[in-house]
Amino acid sequence: MTTAYTKTIRETTPAGHQRAVAFALSQLLTEYPDLPTPHWSIPIPQPEDDRALYGYLQREHETVEAFQAYVKALGGEVTSCAPVEMYGRLVRTHTVVAQWKGIRVDVTVTLPASIDVQAAL
């Protein structure tokens, strides 16, 4: 659902787009204050890329449970990449892509490849 505020400022300028994304993030954090804290970024809008808000779960929040919390709160589609070796361990990156208040939100976590995230959801 797009709020009137986010729709109005998102359609004007790149700065307006970023304000709309920041507003949606503040709503998400207000409505779900217990969600784990990822590293958030708001990329500069590009015509070929509709990502608006990107979160990366890391350090103490780099867990299946933290990722599950975002899947539950946001809904959306979960995708998983092929396993890769990183710092001597086999890992896989998982991303939930969802719409929140009319803003696309991606939340990503990197976990050991042995963890079956799809089964855990």
PDB file of N, CA and C in Angstrom:
ATOM      1  N   MET A   1       0.836  -1.160   0.000  1.00  0.00           N
ATOM      2  CA  MET A   1       0.000   0.000   0.000  1.00  0.00           C
ATOM      3  C   MET A   1       0.891   1.238   0.000  1.00  0.00           C
ATOM      4  N   THR A   2       0.665   2.150  -0.915  1.00  0.00           N
ATOM      5  CA  THR A   2       1.401   3.397  -0.982  1.00  0.00           C
ATOM      6  C   THR A   2       0.620   4.461  -0.232  1.00  0.00           C
ATOM      7  N   THR A   3       1.260   5.108   0.722  1.00  0.00           N
ATOM      8  CA  THR A   3       0.579   6.193   1.420  1.00  0.00           C
ATOM      9  C   THR A   3       0.594   7.419   0.520  1.00  0.00           C
ATOM     10  N   ALA A   4      -0.322   8.345   0.766  1.00  0.00           N
ATOM     11  CA  ALA A   4      -0.383   9.568  -0.038  1.00  0.00           C
ATOM     12  C   ALA A   4       0.931  10.324   0.054  1.00  0.00           C
ATOM     13  N   TYR A   5       1.536  10.325   1.242  1.00  0.00           N
ATOM     14  CA  TYR A   5       2.790  11.037   1.432  1.00  0.00           C
ATOM     15  C   TYR A   5       3.898  10.441   0.576  1.00  0.00           C
ATOM     16  N   THR A   6       4.082   9.114   0.643  1.00  0.00           N
ATOM     17  CA  THR A   6       5.169   8.510  -0.121  1.00  0.00           C
ATOM     18  C   THR A   6       4.925   8.637  -1.609  1.00  0.00           C
ATOM     19  N   LYS A   7       3.680   8.512  -2.048  1.00  0.00           N
ATOM     20  CA  LYS A   7       3.389   8.629  -3.478  1.00  0.00           C
ATOM     21  C   LYS A   7       3.688  10.041  -3.970  1.00  0.00           C
ATOM     22  N   THR A   8       3.295  11.040  -3.212  1.00  0.00           N
ATOM     23  CA  THR A   8       3.487  12.428  -3.631  1.00  0.00           C
ATOM     24  C   THR A   8       4.961  12.776  -3.761  1.00  0.00           C
ATOM     25  N   ILE A   9       5.764  12.503  -2.738  1.00  0.00           N
ATOM     26  CA  ILE A   9       7.157  12.930  -2.815  1.00  0.00           C
ATOM     27  C   ILE A   9       8.009  12.005  -3.660  1.00  0.00           C
ATOM     28  N   ARG A  10       7.602  10.754  -3.817  1.00  0.00           N
ATOM     29  CA  ARG A  10       8.395   9.817  -4.599  1.00  0.00           C
ATOM     30  C   ARG A  10       8.362  10.164  -6.079  1.00  0.00           C
ATOM     31  N   GLU A  11       7.286  10.751  -6.535  1.00  0.00           N
ATOM     32  CA  GLU A  11       7.126  11.016  -7.960  1.00  0.00           C
ATOM     33  C   GLU A  11       7.755  12.335  -8.393  1.00  0.00           C
ATOM     34  N   THR A  12       8.421  13.035  -7.502  1.00  0.00           N
ATOM     35  CA  THR A  12       8.927  14.345  -7.874  1.00  0.00           C
ATOM     36  C   THR A  12      10.413  14.347  -8.220  1.00  0.00           C
ATOM     37  N   THR A  13      11.286  14.087  -7.273  1.00  0.00           N
ATOM     38  CA  THR A  13      12.730  14.202  -7.480  1.00  0.00           C
ATOM     39  C   THR A  13      13.456  13.037  -6.809  1.00  0.00           C
ATOM     40  N   PRO A  14      14.749  12.830  -7.172  1.00  0.00           N
ATOM     41  CA  PRO A  14      15.517  11.808  -6.448  1.00  0.00           C
ATOM     42  C   PRO A  14      15.565  12.074  -4.941  1.00  0.00           C
ATOM     43  N   ALA A  15      15.698  13.335  -4.545  1.00  0.00           N
ATOM     44  CA  ALA A  15      15.704  13.652  -3.111  1.00  0.00           C
ATOM     45  C   ALA A  15      14.350  13.328  -2.495  1.00  0.00           C
ATOM     46  N   GLY A  16      13.286  13.607  -3.235  1.00  0.00           N
ATOM     47  CA  GLY A  16      11.946  13.265  -2.755  1.00  0.00           C
ATOM     48  C   GLY A  16      11.784  11.769  -2.607  1.00  0.00           C
ATOM     49  N   HIS A  17      12.350  11.034  -3.555  1.00  0.00           N
ATOM     50  CA  HIS A  17      12.311   9.568  -3.488  1.00  0.00           C
ATOM     51  C   HIS A  17      12.997   9.091  -2.217  1.00  0.00           C
ATOM     52  N   GLN A  18      14.161   9.647  -1.923  1.00  0.00           N
ATOM     53  CA  GLN A  18      14.891   9.223  -0.733  1.00  0.00           C
ATOM     54  C   GLN A  18      14.140   9.596   0.543  1.00  0.00           C
ATOM     55  N   ARG A  19      13.470  10.736   0.557  1.00  0.00           N
ATOM     56  CA  ARG A  19      12.659  11.102   1.728  1.00  0.00           C
ATOM     57  C   ARG A  19      11.511  10.119   1.912  1.00  0.00           C
ATOM     58  N   ALA A  20      10.881   9.704   0.810  1.00  0.00           N
ATOM     59  CA  ALA A  20       9.789   8.733   0.895  1.00  0.00           C
ATOM     60  C   ALA A  20      10.290   7.409   1.456  1.00  0.00           C
ATOM     61  N   VAL A  21      11.471   6.991   1.012  1.00  0.00           N
ATOM     62  CA  VAL A  21      12.054   5.740   1.499  1.00  0.00           C
ATOM     63  C   VAL A  21      12.384   5.860   2.987  1.00  0.00           C
ATOM     64  N   ALA A  22      12.972   6.966   3.383  1.00  0.00           N
ATOM     65  CA  ALA A  22      13.296   7.179   4.797  1.00  0.00           C
ATOM     66  C   ALA A  22      12.026   7.187   5.647  1.00  0.00           C
ATOM     67  N   PHE A  23      10.970   7.783   5.128  1.00  0.00           N
ATOM     68  CA  PHE A  23       9.690   7.806   5.841  1.00  0.00           C
ATOM     69  C   PHE A  23       9.146   6.388   5.995  1.00  0.00           C
ATOM     70  N   ALA A  24       9.214   5.591   4.927  1.00  0.00           N
ATOM     71  CA  ALA A  24       8.746   4.198   4.999  1.00  0.00           C
ATOM     72  C   ALA A  24       9.577   3.402   6.006  1.00  0.00           C
ATOM     73  N   LEU A  25      10.896   3.632   6.034  1.00  0.00           N
ATOM     74  CA  LEU A  25      11.749   2.947   7.008  1.00  0.00           C
ATOM     75  C   LEU A  25      11.348   3.326   8.430  1.00  0.00           C
ATOM     76  N   SER A  26      11.081   4.596   8.667  1.00  0.00           N
ATOM     77  CA  SER A  26      10.678   5.003  10.019  1.00  0.00           C
ATOM     78  C   SER A  26       9.354   4.346  10.406  1.00  0.00           C
ATOM     79  N   GLN A  27       8.435   4.183   9.453  1.00  0.00           N
ATOM     80  CA  GLN A  27       7.173   3.492   9.734  1.00  0.00           C
ATOM     81  C   GLN A  27       7.424   2.020  10.061  1.00  0.00           C
ATOM     82  N   LEU A  28       8.307   1.377   9.303  1.00  0.00           N
ATOM     83  CA  LEU A  28       8.631  -0.028   9.545  1.00  0.00           C
ATOM     84  C   LEU A  28       9.201  -0.211  10.952  1.00  0.00           C
ATOM     85  N   LEU A  29      10.138   0.646  11.326  1.00  0.00           N
ATOM     86  CA  LEU A  29      10.768   0.538  12.642  1.00  0.00           C
ATOM     87  C   LEU A  29       9.796   0.871  13.773  1.00  0.00           C
ATOM     88  N   THR A  30       8.832   1.743  13.501  1.00  0.00           N
ATOM     89  CA  THR A  30       7.819   2.082  14.502  1.00  0.00           C
ATOM     90  C   THR A  30       6.831   0.936  14.691  1.00  0.00           C
ATOM     91  N   GLU A  31       6.398   0.342  13.588  1.00  0.00           N
ATOM     92  CA  GLU A  31       5.409  -0.739  13.658  1.00  0.00           C
ATOM     93  C   GLU A  31       6.012  -2.060  14.129  1.00  0.00           C
ATOM     94  N   TYR A  32       7.307  -2.261  13.887  1.00  0.00           N
ATOM     95  CA  TYR A  32       7.992  -3.497  14.286  1.00  0.00           C
ATOM     96  C   TYR A  32       9.262  -3.150  15.064  1.00  0.00           C
ATOM     97  N   PRO A  33       9.127  -2.588  16.269  1.00  0.00           N
ATOM     98  CA  PRO A  33      10.314  -2.134  17.008  1.00  0.00           C
ATOM     99  C   PRO A  33      11.247  -3.259  17.449  1.00  0.00           C
ATOM    100  N   ASP A  34      10.764  -4.491  17.466  1.00  0.00           N
ATOM    101  CA  ASP A  34      11.603  -5.598  17.929  1.00  0.00           C
ATOM    102  C   ASP A  34      12.353  -6.309  16.813  1.00  0.00           C
ATOM    103  N   LEU A  35      12.223  -5.832  15.572  1.00  0.00           N
ATOM    104  CA  LEU A  35      12.969  -6.462  14.482  1.00  0.00           C
ATOM    105  C   LEU A  35      14.468  -6.301  14.720  1.00  0.00           C
ATOM    106  N   PRO A  36      15.259  -7.309  14.344  1.00  0.00           N
ATOM    107  CA  PRO A  36      16.718  -7.167  14.435  1.00  0.00           C
ATOM    108  C   PRO A  36      17.175  -5.973  13.586  1.00  0.00           C
ATOM    109  N   THR A  37      18.286  -5.380  13.968  1.00  0.00           N
ATOM    110  CA  THR A  37      18.759  -4.173  13.290  1.00  0.00           C
ATOM    111  C   THR A  37      19.773  -4.512  12.207  1.00  0.00           C
ATOM    112  N   PRO A  38      19.380  -4.370  10.931  1.00  0.00           N
ATOM    113  CA  PRO A  38      20.358  -4.567   9.862  1.00  0.00           C
ATOM    114  C   PRO A  38      21.098  -3.263   9.570  1.00  0.00           C
ATOM    115  N   HIS A  39      22.063  -3.346   8.689  1.00  0.00           N
ATOM    116  CA  HIS A  39      22.700  -2.155   8.133  1.00  0.00           C
ATOM    117  C   HIS A  39      21.780  -1.702   7.006  1.00  0.00           C
ATOM    118  N   TRP A  40      21.195  -0.515   7.100  1.00  0.00           N
ATOM    119  CA  TRP A  40      20.266  -0.019   6.080  1.00  0.00           C
ATOM    120  C   TRP A  40      20.985   0.913   5.112  1.00  0.00           C
ATOM    121  N   SER A  41      20.583   0.866   3.848  1.00  0.00           N
ATOM    122  CA  SER A  41      21.063   1.854   2.878  1.00  0.00           C
ATOM    123  C   SER A  41      19.929   2.204   1.927  1.00  0.00           C
ATOM    124  N   ILE A  42      19.968   3.432   1.443  1.00  0.00           N
ATOM    125  CA  ILE A  42      18.994   3.927   0.476  1.00  0.00           C
ATOM    126  C   ILE A  42      19.772   4.293  -0.776  1.00  0.00           C
ATOM    127  N   PRO A  43      19.744   3.421  -1.800  1.00  0.00           N
ATOM    128  CA  PRO A  43      20.511   3.723  -3.004  1.00  0.00           C
ATOM    129  C   PRO A  43      19.904   4.887  -3.782  1.00  0.00           C
ATOM    130  N   ILE A  44      20.741   5.549  -4.547  1.00  0.00           N
ATOM    131  CA  ILE A  44      20.252   6.593  -5.447  1.00  0.00           C
ATOM    132  C   ILE A  44      19.375   5.915  -6.488  1.00  0.00           C
ATOM    133  N   PRO A  45      18.167   6.431  -6.728  1.00  0.00           N
ATOM    134  CA  PRO A  45      17.268   5.758  -7.668  1.00  0.00           C
ATOM    135  C   PRO A  45      17.843   5.700  -9.081  1.00  0.00           C
ATOM    136  N   GLN A  46      17.714   4.536  -9.699  1.00  0.00           N
ATOM    137  CA  GLN A  46      18.155   4.315 -11.074  1.00  0.00           C
ATOM    138  C   GLN A  46      16.965   3.791 -11.872  1.00  0.00           C
ATOM    139  N   PRO A  47      16.809   4.215 -13.126  1.00  0.00           N
ATOM    140  CA  PRO A  47      15.657   3.767 -13.918  1.00  0.00           C
ATOM    141  C   PRO A  47      15.579   2.250 -14.065  1.00  0.00           C
ATOM    142  N   GLU A  48      16.730   1.579 -14.158  1.00  0.00           N
ATOM    143  CA  GLU A  48      16.733   0.134 -14.388  1.00  0.00           C
ATOM    144  C   GLU A  48      16.697  -0.678 -13.092  1.00  0.00           C
ATOM    145  N   ASP A  49      16.670  -0.015 -11.945  1.00  0.00           N
ATOM    146  CA  ASP A  49      16.737  -0.702 -10.657  1.00  0.00           C
ATOM    147  C   ASP A  49      15.682  -0.113  -9.731  1.00  0.00           C
ATOM    148  N   ASP A  50      14.703  -0.929  -9.343  1.00  0.00           N
ATOM    149  CA  ASP A  50      13.630  -0.398  -8.505  1.00  0.00           C
ATOM    150  C   ASP A  50      13.867  -0.589  -7.011  1.00  0.00           C
ATOM    151  N   ARG A  51      15.083  -1.024  -6.621  1.00  0.00           N
ATOM    152  CA  ARG A  51      15.372  -1.140  -5.185  1.00  0.00           C
ATOM    153  C   ARG A  51      15.319   0.242  -4.556  1.00  0.00           C
ATOM    154  N   ALA A  52      14.675   0.334  -3.415  1.00  0.00           N
ATOM    155  CA  ALA A  52      14.585   1.619  -2.748  1.00  0.00           C
ATOM    156  C   ALA A  52      15.211   1.594  -1.360  1.00  0.00           C
ATOM    157  N   LEU A  53      15.117   0.447  -0.687  1.00  0.00           N
ATOM    158  CA  LEU A  53      15.651   0.324   0.663  1.00  0.00           C
ATOM    159  C   LEU A  53      16.299  -1.044   0.775  1.00  0.00           C
ATOM    160  N   TYR A  54      17.544  -1.044   1.231  1.00  0.00           N
ATOM    161  CA  TYR A  54      18.296  -2.286   1.284  1.00  0.00           C
ATOM    162  C   TYR A  54      18.824  -2.484   2.700  1.00  0.00           C
ATOM    163  N   GLY A  55      18.532  -3.653   3.279  1.00  0.00           N
ATOM    164  CA  GLY A  55      19.033  -3.986   4.611  1.00  0.00           C
ATOM    165  C   GLY A  55      19.889  -5.235   4.550  1.00  0.00           C
ATOM    166  N   TYR A  56      20.997  -5.228   5.286  1.00  0.00           N
ATOM    167  CA  TYR A  56      21.876  -6.393   5.321  1.00  0.00           C
ATOM    168  C   TYR A  56      22.076  -6.801   6.774  1.00  0.00           C
ATOM    169  N   LEU A  57      21.603  -8.004   7.111  1.00  0.00           N
ATOM    170  CA  LEU A  57      21.760  -8.534   8.466  1.00  0.00           C
ATOM    171  C   LEU A  57      23.189  -9.029   8.636  1.00  0.00           C
ATOM    172  N   GLN A  58      23.865  -8.540   9.659  1.00  0.00           N
ATOM    173  CA  GLN A  58      25.248  -8.942   9.877  1.00  0.00           C
ATOM    174  C   GLN A  58      25.557  -9.007  11.365  1.00  0.00           C
ATOM    175  N   ARG A  59      26.728  -9.511  11.655  1.00  0.00           N
ATOM    176  CA  ARG A  59      27.224  -9.699  13.018  1.00  0.00           C
ATOM    177  C   ARG A  59      26.240 -10.508  13.854  1.00  0.00           C
ATOM    178  N   GLU A  60      25.785  -9.968  14.984  1.00  0.00           N
ATOM    179  CA  GLU A  60      24.923 -10.760  15.869  1.00  0.00           C
ATOM    180  C   GLU A  60      23.542 -11.028  15.277  1.00  0.00           C
ATOM    181  N   HIS A  61      23.168 -10.311  14.221  1.00  0.00           N
ATOM    182  CA  HIS A  61      21.860 -10.515  13.585  1.00  0.00           C
ATOM    183  C   HIS A  61      21.954 -11.390  12.338  1.00  0.00           C
ATOM    184  N   GLU A  62      23.112 -11.969  12.101  1.00  0.00           N
ATOM    185  CA  GLU A  62      23.315 -12.817  10.920  1.00  0.00           C
ATOM    186  C   GLU A  62      22.847 -14.238  11.251  1.00  0.00           C
ATOM    187  N   THR A  63      21.524 -14.387  11.446  1.00  0.00           N
ATOM    188  CA  THR A  63      20.951 -15.665  11.857  1.00  0.00           C
ATOM    189  C   THR A  63      19.683 -15.964  11.066  1.00  0.00           C
ATOM    190  N   VAL A  64      19.300 -17.229  11.043  1.00  0.00           N
ATOM    191  CA  VAL A  64      18.051 -17.631  10.392  1.00  0.00           C
ATOM    192  C   VAL A  64      16.874 -16.952  11.086  1.00  0.00           C
ATOM    193  N   GLU A  65      16.911 -16.878  12.415  1.00  0.00           N
ATOM    194  CA  GLU A  65      15.805 -16.289  13.171  1.00  0.00           C
ATOM    195  C   GLU A  65      15.607 -14.814  12.827  1.00  0.00           C
ATOM    196  N   ALA A  66      16.691 -14.075  12.680  1.00  0.00           N
ATOM    197  CA  ALA A  66      16.585 -12.661  12.312  1.00  0.00           C
ATOM    198  C   ALA A  66      15.984 -12.526  10.918  1.00  0.00           C
ATOM    199  N   PHE A  67      16.432 -13.359   9.995  1.00  0.00           N
ATOM    200  CA  PHE A  67      15.899 -13.326   8.631  1.00  0.00           C
ATOM    201  C   PHE A  67      14.418 -13.696   8.637  1.00  0.00           C
ATOM    202  N   GLN A  68      14.055 -14.718   9.400  1.00  0.00           N
ATOM    203  CA  GLN A  68      12.650 -15.131   9.502  1.00  0.00           C
ATOM    204  C   GLN A  68      11.774 -13.987  10.007  1.00  0.00           C
ATOM    205  N   ALA A  69      12.278 -13.192  10.931  1.00  0.00           N
ATOM    206  CA  ALA A  69      11.505 -12.069  11.464  1.00  0.00           C
ATOM    207  C   ALA A  69      11.146 -11.081  10.359  1.00  0.00           C
ATOM    208  N   TYR A  70      12.091 -10.817   9.448  1.00  0.00           N
ATOM    209  CA  TYR A  70      11.805  -9.906   8.334  1.00  0.00           C
ATOM    210  C   TYR A  70      10.852 -10.531   7.321  1.00  0.00           C
ATOM    211  N   VAL A  71      11.005 -11.813   7.062  1.00  0.00           N
ATOM    212  CA  VAL A  71      10.083 -12.494   6.140  1.00  0.00           C
ATOM    213  C   VAL A  71       8.670 -12.426   6.704  1.00  0.00           C
ATOM    214  N   LYS A  72       8.538 -12.644   7.999  1.00  0.00           N
ATOM    215  CA  LYS A  72       7.215 -12.604   8.636  1.00  0.00           C
ATOM    216  C   LYS A  72       6.630 -11.189   8.601  1.00  0.00           C
ATOM    217  N   ALA A  73       7.430 -10.182   8.893  1.00  0.00           N
ATOM    218  CA  ALA A  73       6.945  -8.800   8.936  1.00  0.00           C
ATOM    219  C   ALA A  73       6.625  -8.250   7.553  1.00  0.00           C
ATOM    220  N   LEU A  74       7.469  -8.558   6.571  1.00  0.00           N
ATOM    221  CA  LEU A  74       7.332  -7.959   5.248  1.00  0.00           C
ATOM    222  C   LEU A  74       6.568  -8.817   4.250  1.00  0.00           C
ATOM    223  N   GLY A  75       6.570 -10.136   4.461  1.00  0.00           N
ATOM    224  CA  GLY A  75       6.041 -11.012   3.414  1.00  0.00           C
ATOM    225  C   GLY A  75       7.035 -10.990   2.268  1.00  0.00           C
ATOM    226  N   GLY A  76       6.563 -11.079   1.059  1.00  0.00           N
ATOM    227  CA  GLY A  76       7.453 -10.984  -0.088  1.00  0.00           C
ATOM    228  C   GLY A  76       8.007 -12.316  -0.526  1.00  0.00           C
ATOM    229  N   GLU A  77       8.960 -12.243  -1.439  1.00  0.00           N
ATOM    230  CA  GLU A  77       9.561 -13.432  -2.050  1.00  0.00           C
ATOM    231  C   GLU A  77      10.980 -13.620  -1.538  1.00  0.00           C
ATOM    232  N   VAL A  78      11.314 -14.860  -1.204  1.00  0.00           N
ATOM    233  CA  VAL A  78      12.661 -15.188  -0.732  1.00  0.00           C
ATOM    234  C   VAL A  78      13.427 -15.867  -1.854  1.00  0.00           C
ATOM    235  N   THR A  79      14.623 -15.367  -2.125  1.00  0.00           N
ATOM    236  CA  THR A  79      15.507 -15.991  -3.110  1.00  0.00           C
ATOM    237  C   THR A  79      16.822 -16.351  -2.428  1.00  0.00           C
ATOM    238  N   SER A  80      17.466 -17.382  -2.953  1.00  0.00           N
ATOM    239  CA  SER A  80      18.755 -17.823  -2.416  1.00  0.00           C
ATOM    240  C   SER A  80      19.741 -17.978  -3.560  1.00  0.00           C
ATOM    241  N   CYS A  81      20.969 -17.537  -3.344  1.00  0.00           N
ATOM    242  CA  CYS A  81      22.019 -17.653  -4.358  1.00  0.00           C
ATOM    243  C   CYS A  81      22.730 -18.996  -4.223  1.00  0.00           C
ATOM    244  N   ALA A  82      23.506 -19.321  -5.230  1.00  0.00           N
ATOM    245  CA  ALA A  82      24.331 -20.533  -5.187  1.00  0.00           C
ATOM    246  C   ALA A  82      25.396 -20.370  -4.103  1.00  0.00           C
ATOM    247  N   PRO A  83      25.810 -21.471  -3.473  1.00  0.00           N
ATOM    248  CA  PRO A  83      26.841 -21.385  -2.433  1.00  0.00           C
ATOM    249  C   PRO A  83      28.176 -20.883  -3.003  1.00  0.00           C
ATOM    250  N   VAL A  84      28.877 -20.116  -2.193  1.00  0.00           N
ATOM    251  CA  VAL A  84      30.218 -19.636  -2.546  1.00  0.00           C
ATOM    252  C   VAL A  84      31.115 -19.794  -1.323  1.00  0.00           C
ATOM    253  N   GLU A  85      32.416 -19.858  -1.560  1.00  0.00           N
ATOM    254  CA  GLU A  85      33.351 -19.938  -0.444  1.00  0.00           C
ATOM    255  C   GLU A  85      33.747 -18.530  -0.030  1.00  0.00           C
ATOM    256  N   MET A  86      33.639 -18.255   1.273  1.00  0.00           N
ATOM    257  CA  MET A  86      33.997 -16.945   1.799  1.00  0.00           C
ATOM    258  C   MET A  86      34.774 -17.154   3.091  1.00  0.00           C
ATOM    259  N   TYR A  87      36.009 -16.679   3.122  1.00  0.00           N
ATOM    260  CA  TYR A  87      36.861 -16.815   4.304  1.00  0.00           C
ATOM    261  C   TYR A  87      36.958 -18.263   4.774  1.00  0.00           C
ATOM    262  N   GLY A  88      37.053 -19.169   3.817  1.00  0.00           N
ATOM    263  CA  GLY A  88      37.240 -20.574   4.137  1.00  0.00           C
ATOM    264  C   GLY A  88      35.984 -21.338   4.517  1.00  0.00           C
ATOM    265  N   ARG A  89      34.833 -20.720   4.379  1.00  0.00           N
ATOM    266  CA  ARG A  89      33.593 -21.448   4.679  1.00  0.00           C
ATOM    267  C   ARG A  89      32.619 -21.299   3.514  1.00  0.00           C
ATOM    268  N   LEU A  90      31.792 -22.311   3.328  1.00  0.00           N
ATOM    269  CA  LEU A  90      30.805 -22.316   2.255  1.00  0.00           C
ATOM    270  C   LEU A  90      29.544 -21.616   2.758  1.00  0.00           C
ATOM    271  N   VAL A  91      29.154 -20.532   2.065  1.00  0.00           N
ATOM    272  CA  VAL A  91      27.999 -19.735   2.491  1.00  0.00           C
ATOM    273  C   VAL A  91      27.037 -19.534   1.328  1.00  0.00           C
ATOM    274  N   ARG A  92      25.842 -19.103   1.681  1.00  0.00           N
ATOM    275  CA  ARG A  92      24.807 -18.799   0.687  1.00  0.00           C
ATOM    276  C   ARG A  92      24.106 -17.512   1.140  1.00  0.00           C
ATOM    277  N   THR A  93      23.820 -16.631   0.186  1.00  0.00           N
ATOM    278  CA  THR A  93      23.121 -15.386   0.476  1.00  0.00           C
ATOM    279  C   THR A  93      21.636 -15.566   0.196  1.00  0.00           C
ATOM    280  N   HIS A  94      20.811 -15.082   1.121  1.00  0.00           N
ATOM    281  CA  HIS A  94      19.355 -15.169   1.002  1.00  0.00           C
ATOM    282  C   HIS A  94      18.789 -13.753   1.083  1.00  0.00           C
ATOM    283  N   THR A  95      17.784 -13.463   0.258  1.00  0.00           N
ATOM    284  CA  THR A  95      17.178 -12.136   0.231  1.00  0.00           C
ATOM    285  C   THR A  95      15.664 -12.257   0.219  1.00  0.00           C
ATOM    286  N   VAL A  96      15.007 -11.451   1.037  1.00  0.00           N
ATOM    287  CA  VAL A  96      13.555 -11.298   0.939  1.00  0.00           C
ATOM    288  C   VAL A  96      13.310  -9.961   0.244  1.00  0.00           C
ATOM    289  N   VAL A  97      12.476  -9.989  -0.792  1.00  0.00           N
ATOM    290  CA  VAL A  97      12.113  -8.792  -1.554  1.00  0.00           C
ATOM    291  C   VAL A  97      10.625  -8.569  -1.339  1.00  0.00           C
ATOM    292  N   ALA A  98      10.277  -7.381  -0.845  1.00  0.00           N
ATOM    293  CA  ALA A  98       8.880  -7.098  -0.514  1.00  0.00           C
ATOM    294  C   ALA A  98       8.562  -5.630  -0.778  1.00  0.00           C
ATOM    295  N   GLN A  99       7.287  -5.319  -0.739  1.00  0.00           N
ATOM    296  CA  GLN A  99       6.819  -3.936  -0.811  1.00  0.00           C
ATOM    297  C   GLN A  99       6.360  -3.525   0.584  1.00  0.00           C
ATOM    298  N   TRP A 100       6.827  -2.388   1.051  1.00  0.00           N
ATOM    299  CA  TRP A 100       6.404  -1.850   2.341  1.00  0.00           C
ATOM    300  C   TRP A 100       5.953  -0.417   2.119  1.00  0.00           C
ATOM    301  N   LYS A 101       4.674  -0.156   2.318  1.00  0.00           N
ATOM    302  CA  LYS A 101       4.113   1.193   2.133  1.00  0.00           C
ATOM    303  C   LYS A 101       4.456   1.748   0.753  1.00  0.00           C
ATOM    304  N   GLY A 102       4.433   0.874  -0.253  1.00  0.00           N
ATOM    305  CA  GLY A 102       4.711   1.296  -1.620  1.00  0.00           C
ATOM    306  C   GLY A 102       6.180   1.404  -1.967  1.00  0.00           C
ATOM    307  N   ILE A 103       7.054   1.009  -1.067  1.00  0.00           N
ATOM    308  CA  ILE A 103       8.499   1.094  -1.266  1.00  0.00           C
ATOM    309  C   ILE A 103       9.060  -0.321  -1.325  1.00  0.00           C
ATOM    310  N   ARG A 104       9.920  -0.587  -2.323  1.00  0.00           N
ATOM    311  CA  ARG A 104      10.560  -1.902  -2.385  1.00  0.00           C
ATOM    312  C   ARG A 104      11.627  -1.996  -1.304  1.00  0.00           C
ATOM    313  N   VAL A 105      11.580  -3.101  -0.560  1.00  0.00           N
ATOM    314  CA  VAL A 105      12.538  -3.357   0.518  1.00  0.00           C
ATOM    315  C   VAL A 105      13.191  -4.706   0.263  1.00  0.00           C
ATOM    316  N   ASP A 106      14.515  -4.747   0.260  1.00  0.00           N
ATOM    317  CA  ASP A 106      15.292  -5.986   0.177  1.00  0.00           C
ATOM    318  C   ASP A 106      16.041  -6.145   1.496  1.00  0.00           C
ATOM    319  N   VAL A 107      15.925  -7.309   2.121  1.00  0.00           N
ATOM    320  CA  VAL A 107      16.709  -7.611   3.321  1.00  0.00           C
ATOM    321  C   VAL A 107      17.481  -8.894   3.038  1.00  0.00           C
ATOM    322  N   THR A 108      18.797  -8.839   3.229  1.00  0.00           N
ATOM    323  CA  THR A 108      19.693  -9.938   2.866  1.00  0.00           C
ATOM    324  C   THR A 108      20.466 -10.430   4.084  1.00  0.00           C
ATOM    325  N   VAL A 109      20.733 -11.735   4.082  1.00  0.00           N
ATOM    326  CA  VAL A 109      21.570 -12.341   5.110  1.00  0.00           C
ATOM    327  C   VAL A 109      22.462 -13.380   4.435  1.00  0.00           C
ATOM    328  N   THR A 110      23.676 -13.547   4.928  1.00  0.00           N
ATOM    329  CA  THR A 110      24.582 -14.590   4.451  1.00  0.00           C
ATOM    330  C   THR A 110      24.747 -15.599   5.577  1.00  0.00           C
ATOM    331  N   LEU A 111      24.445 -16.863   5.249  1.00  0.00           N
ATOM    332  CA  LEU A 111      24.466 -17.936   6.249  1.00  0.00           C
ATOM    333  C   LEU A 111      25.274 -19.119   5.736  1.00  0.00           C
ATOM    334  N   PRO A 112      25.699 -20.015   6.629  1.00  0.00           N
ATOM    335  CA  PRO A 112      26.353 -21.238   6.161  1.00  0.00           C
ATOM    336  C   PRO A 112      25.467 -21.950   5.141  1.00  0.00           C
ATOM    337  N   ALA A 113      26.087 -22.467   4.086  1.00  0.00           N
ATOM    338  CA  ALA A 113      25.335 -23.111   3.001  1.00  0.00           C
ATOM    339  C   ALA A 113      24.557 -24.325   3.479  1.00  0.00           C
ATOM    340  N   SER A 114      24.957 -24.909   4.593  1.00  0.00           N
ATOM    341  CA  SER A 114      24.270 -26.098   5.108  1.00  0.00           C
ATOM    342  C   SER A 114      22.889 -25.783   5.679  1.00  0.00           C
ATOM    343  N   ILE A 115      22.604 -24.516   5.953  1.00  0.00           N
ATOM    344  CA  ILE A 115      21.307 -24.134   6.513  1.00  0.00           C
ATOM    345  C   ILE A 115      20.284 -24.021   5.391  1.00  0.00           C
ATOM    346  N   ASP A 116      19.181 -24.732   5.519  1.00  0.00           N
ATOM    347  CA  ASP A 116      18.102 -24.696   4.529  1.00  0.00           C
ATOM    348  C   ASP A 116      17.085 -23.642   4.958  1.00  0.00           C
ATOM    349  N   VAL A 117      17.270 -22.422   4.471  1.00  0.00           N
ATOM    350  CA  VAL A 117      16.404 -21.313   4.867  1.00  0.00           C
ATOM    351  C   VAL A 117      14.968 -21.552   4.421  1.00  0.00           C
ATOM    352  N   GLN A 118      14.788 -22.076   3.215  1.00  0.00           N
ATOM    353  CA  GLN A 118      13.429 -22.312   2.713  1.00  0.00           C
ATOM    354  C   GLN A 118      12.670 -23.249   3.650  1.00  0.00           C
ATOM    355  N   ALA A 119      13.315 -24.283   4.141  1.00  0.00           N
ATOM    356  CA  ALA A 119      12.661 -25.222   5.060  1.00  0.00           C
ATOM    357  C   ALA A 119      12.383 -24.568   6.409  1.00  0.00           C
ATOM    358  N   ALA A 120      13.236 -23.623   6.812  1.00  0.00           N
ATOM    359  CA  ALA A 120      13.065 -22.955   8.103  1.00  0.00           C
ATOM    360  C   ALA A 120      11.920 -21.949   8.092  1.00  0.00           C
ATOM    361  N   LEU A 121      11.513 -21.527   6.895  1.00  0.00           N
ATOM    362  CA  LEU A 121      10.427 -20.552   6.813  1.00  0.00           C
ATOM    363  C   LEU A 121       9.131 -21.280   6.959  1.00  0.00           C
TER     364      LEU A 121
END
